[in-house]
Amino acid sequence: MLHPRLSALLLIALVAGCDVAAVGPAVVTRAGPDELLKLRAGPGLGYRVILGLPDGTRLTRRDCVTEVGQLWCRVALADAPAITGYVSADYLSDR
């Protein structure tokens, strides 16, 4: 059985982490005027690129995972929900 203080710390860490990887609407930001954020088939640079997303692209964030120290979010295009993939959370902001 976990010590009560450890249980409380784990709960706080879990709740705090939810803000970073919130589910819901998001927008691509900071990709740059001449660059595209790569929508990938999986959470990491080793996965194939599905398509490029310019700044301002509206997405629906489904969930996020950490791979090799980087937070990746599974997303769907807001205007084409059947198109899904993963993007780096560094380039997402809430609407």
C-alpha atoms as a PDB file:
ATOM      1  CA  MET A   1       0.000   0.000   0.000  1.00  0.00           C
ATOM      2  CA  LEU A   2       1.262   3.496  -0.845  1.00  0.00           C
ATOM      3  CA  HIS A   3       2.112   5.932   1.889  1.00  0.00           C
ATOM      4  CA  PRO A   4      -0.621   8.640   2.118  1.00  0.00           C
ATOM      5  CA  ARG A   5       1.856  11.439   1.295  1.00  0.00           C
ATOM      6  CA  LEU A   6       3.114   9.578  -1.758  1.00  0.00           C
ATOM      7  CA  SER A   7      -0.455   9.001  -2.917  1.00  0.00           C
ATOM      8  CA  ALA A   8      -1.199  12.716  -2.549  1.00  0.00           C
ATOM      9  CA  LEU A   9       1.925  13.680  -4.516  1.00  0.00           C
ATOM     10  CA  LEU A  10       1.042  11.277  -7.318  1.00  0.00           C
ATOM     11  CA  LEU A  11      -2.475  12.703  -7.500  1.00  0.00           C
ATOM     12  CA  ILE A  12      -1.135  16.276  -7.658  1.00  0.00           C
ATOM     13  CA  ALA A  13       1.312  15.318 -10.414  1.00  0.00           C
ATOM     14  CA  LEU A  14      -1.461  13.655 -12.394  1.00  0.00           C
ATOM     15  CA  VAL A  15      -3.792  16.645 -12.097  1.00  0.00           C
ATOM     16  CA  ALA A  16      -1.007  19.128 -12.911  1.00  0.00           C
ATOM     17  CA  GLY A  17      -0.087  17.120 -16.014  1.00  0.00           C
ATOM     18  CA  CYS A  18      -3.633  17.326 -17.319  1.00  0.00           C
ATOM     19  CA  ASP A  19      -3.288  21.058 -18.011  1.00  0.00           C
ATOM     20  CA  VAL A  20      -0.310  20.483 -20.315  1.00  0.00           C
ATOM     21  CA  ALA A  21      -2.044  17.790 -22.311  1.00  0.00           C
ATOM     22  CA  ALA A  22      -5.610  19.034 -22.182  1.00  0.00           C
ATOM     23  CA  VAL A  23      -8.088  17.370 -24.495  1.00  0.00           C
ATOM     24  CA  GLY A  24     -10.049  19.705 -26.748  1.00  0.00           C
ATOM     25  CA  PRO A  25      -9.580  22.403 -29.359  1.00  0.00           C
ATOM     26  CA  ALA A  26      -6.084  23.570 -30.286  1.00  0.00           C
ATOM     27  CA  VAL A  27      -4.429  25.705 -32.955  1.00  0.00           C
ATOM     28  CA  VAL A  28      -1.052  25.283 -34.659  1.00  0.00           C
ATOM     29  CA  THR A  29       1.290  28.122 -33.620  1.00  0.00           C
ATOM     30  CA  ARG A  30       4.986  28.992 -34.004  1.00  0.00           C
ATOM     31  CA  ALA A  31       5.588  26.799 -37.057  1.00  0.00           C
ATOM     32  CA  GLY A  32       6.657  29.976 -38.864  1.00  0.00           C
ATOM     33  CA  PRO A  33       5.492  31.817 -41.957  1.00  0.00           C
ATOM     34  CA  ASP A  34       7.453  29.600 -44.362  1.00  0.00           C
ATOM     35  CA  GLU A  35       7.298  26.326 -42.404  1.00  0.00           C
ATOM     36  CA  LEU A  36       4.717  23.617 -41.727  1.00  0.00           C
ATOM     37  CA  LEU A  37       4.166  21.553 -38.593  1.00  0.00           C
ATOM     38  CA  LYS A  38       4.474  17.899 -39.539  1.00  0.00           C
ATOM     39  CA  LEU A  39       1.479  15.692 -38.744  1.00  0.00           C
ATOM     40  CA  ARG A  40       3.046  12.268 -38.149  1.00  0.00           C
ATOM     41  CA  ALA A  41       1.725   8.705 -38.082  1.00  0.00           C
ATOM     42  CA  GLY A  42       3.053   8.194 -34.536  1.00  0.00           C
ATOM     43  CA  PRO A  43       4.490  10.075 -31.563  1.00  0.00           C
ATOM     44  CA  GLY A  44       8.068  10.735 -32.628  1.00  0.00           C
ATOM     45  CA  LEU A  45      10.383  11.974 -35.359  1.00  0.00           C
ATOM     46  CA  GLY A  46      10.859   8.448 -36.724  1.00  0.00           C
ATOM     47  CA  TYR A  47       7.269   8.163 -37.931  1.00  0.00           C
ATOM     48  CA  ARG A  48       6.235   9.026 -41.479  1.00  0.00           C
ATOM     49  CA  VAL A  49       4.865  12.478 -42.224  1.00  0.00           C
ATOM     50  CA  ILE A  50       1.181  12.487 -43.190  1.00  0.00           C
ATOM     51  CA  LEU A  51       0.976  16.169 -44.134  1.00  0.00           C
ATOM     52  CA  GLY A  52       2.173  19.642 -43.174  1.00  0.00           C
ATOM     53  CA  LEU A  53       0.047  22.053 -41.145  1.00  0.00           C
ATOM     54  CA  PRO A  54       0.456  25.845 -41.372  1.00  0.00           C
ATOM     55  CA  ASP A  55       0.053  28.197 -38.416  1.00  0.00           C
ATOM     56  CA  GLY A  56      -3.621  28.755 -37.640  1.00  0.00           C
ATOM     57  CA  THR A  57      -4.732  25.213 -38.499  1.00  0.00           C
ATOM     58  CA  ARG A  58      -7.550  24.235 -36.135  1.00  0.00           C
ATOM     59  CA  LEU A  59      -7.180  20.823 -34.479  1.00  0.00           C
ATOM     60  CA  THR A  60      -8.918  18.665 -31.912  1.00  0.00           C
ATOM     61  CA  ARG A  61      -6.440  17.359 -29.342  1.00  0.00           C
ATOM     62  CA  ARG A  62      -7.354  13.811 -28.277  1.00  0.00           C
ATOM     63  CA  ASP A  63      -4.569  12.800 -25.864  1.00  0.00           C
ATOM     64  CA  CYS A  64      -0.842  13.280 -25.364  1.00  0.00           C
ATOM     65  CA  VAL A  65       2.125  11.044 -24.599  1.00  0.00           C
ATOM     66  CA  THR A  66       5.767  11.668 -23.778  1.00  0.00           C
ATOM     67  CA  GLU A  67       8.330   9.996 -26.024  1.00  0.00           C
ATOM     68  CA  VAL A  68      12.059  10.536 -25.451  1.00  0.00           C
ATOM     69  CA  GLY A  69      11.360  13.620 -23.336  1.00  0.00           C
ATOM     70  CA  GLN A  70       9.067  15.236 -25.926  1.00  0.00           C
ATOM     71  CA  LEU A  71       5.301  15.662 -25.487  1.00  0.00           C
ATOM     72  CA  TRP A  72       3.350  14.499 -28.557  1.00  0.00           C
ATOM     73  CA  CYS A  73      -0.395  14.944 -28.972  1.00  0.00           C
ATOM     74  CA  ARG A  74      -2.746  12.798 -31.014  1.00  0.00           C
ATOM     75  CA  VAL A  75      -4.909  15.224 -32.985  1.00  0.00           C
ATOM     76  CA  ALA A  76      -7.564  15.369 -35.677  1.00  0.00           C
ATOM     77  CA  LEU A  77      -8.105  18.208 -38.118  1.00  0.00           C
ATOM     78  CA  ALA A  78     -11.128  20.217 -36.963  1.00  0.00           C
ATOM     79  CA  ASP A  79     -12.396  20.606 -40.538  1.00  0.00           C
ATOM     80  CA  ALA A  80     -11.575  16.999 -41.552  1.00  0.00           C
ATOM     81  CA  PRO A  81     -11.852  14.800 -38.402  1.00  0.00           C
ATOM     82  CA  ALA A  82     -10.986  11.620 -40.296  1.00  0.00           C
ATOM     83  CA  ILE A  83      -7.424  12.936 -40.749  1.00  0.00           C
ATOM     84  CA  THR A  84      -5.551  12.107 -37.556  1.00  0.00           C
ATOM     85  CA  GLY A  85      -1.969  11.862 -36.404  1.00  0.00           C
ATOM     86  CA  TYR A  86       0.554  13.177 -33.903  1.00  0.00           C
ATOM     87  CA  VAL A  87       2.189  16.597 -33.552  1.00  0.00           C
ATOM     88  CA  SER A  88       4.659  18.057 -31.083  1.00  0.00           C
ATOM     89  CA  ALA A  89       2.793  19.800 -28.258  1.00  0.00           C
ATOM     90  CA  ASP A  90       5.347  22.641 -28.481  1.00  0.00           C
ATOM     91  CA  TYR A  91       3.471  23.938 -31.522  1.00  0.00           C
ATOM     92  CA  LEU A  92      -0.051  23.840 -30.101  1.00  0.00           C
ATOM     93  CA  SER A  93      -1.991  26.483 -28.229  1.00  0.00           C
ATOM     94  CA  ASP A  94      -5.536  26.661 -26.960  1.00  0.00           C
ATOM     95  CA  ARG A  95      -7.850  28.629 -29.157  1.00  0.00           C
END
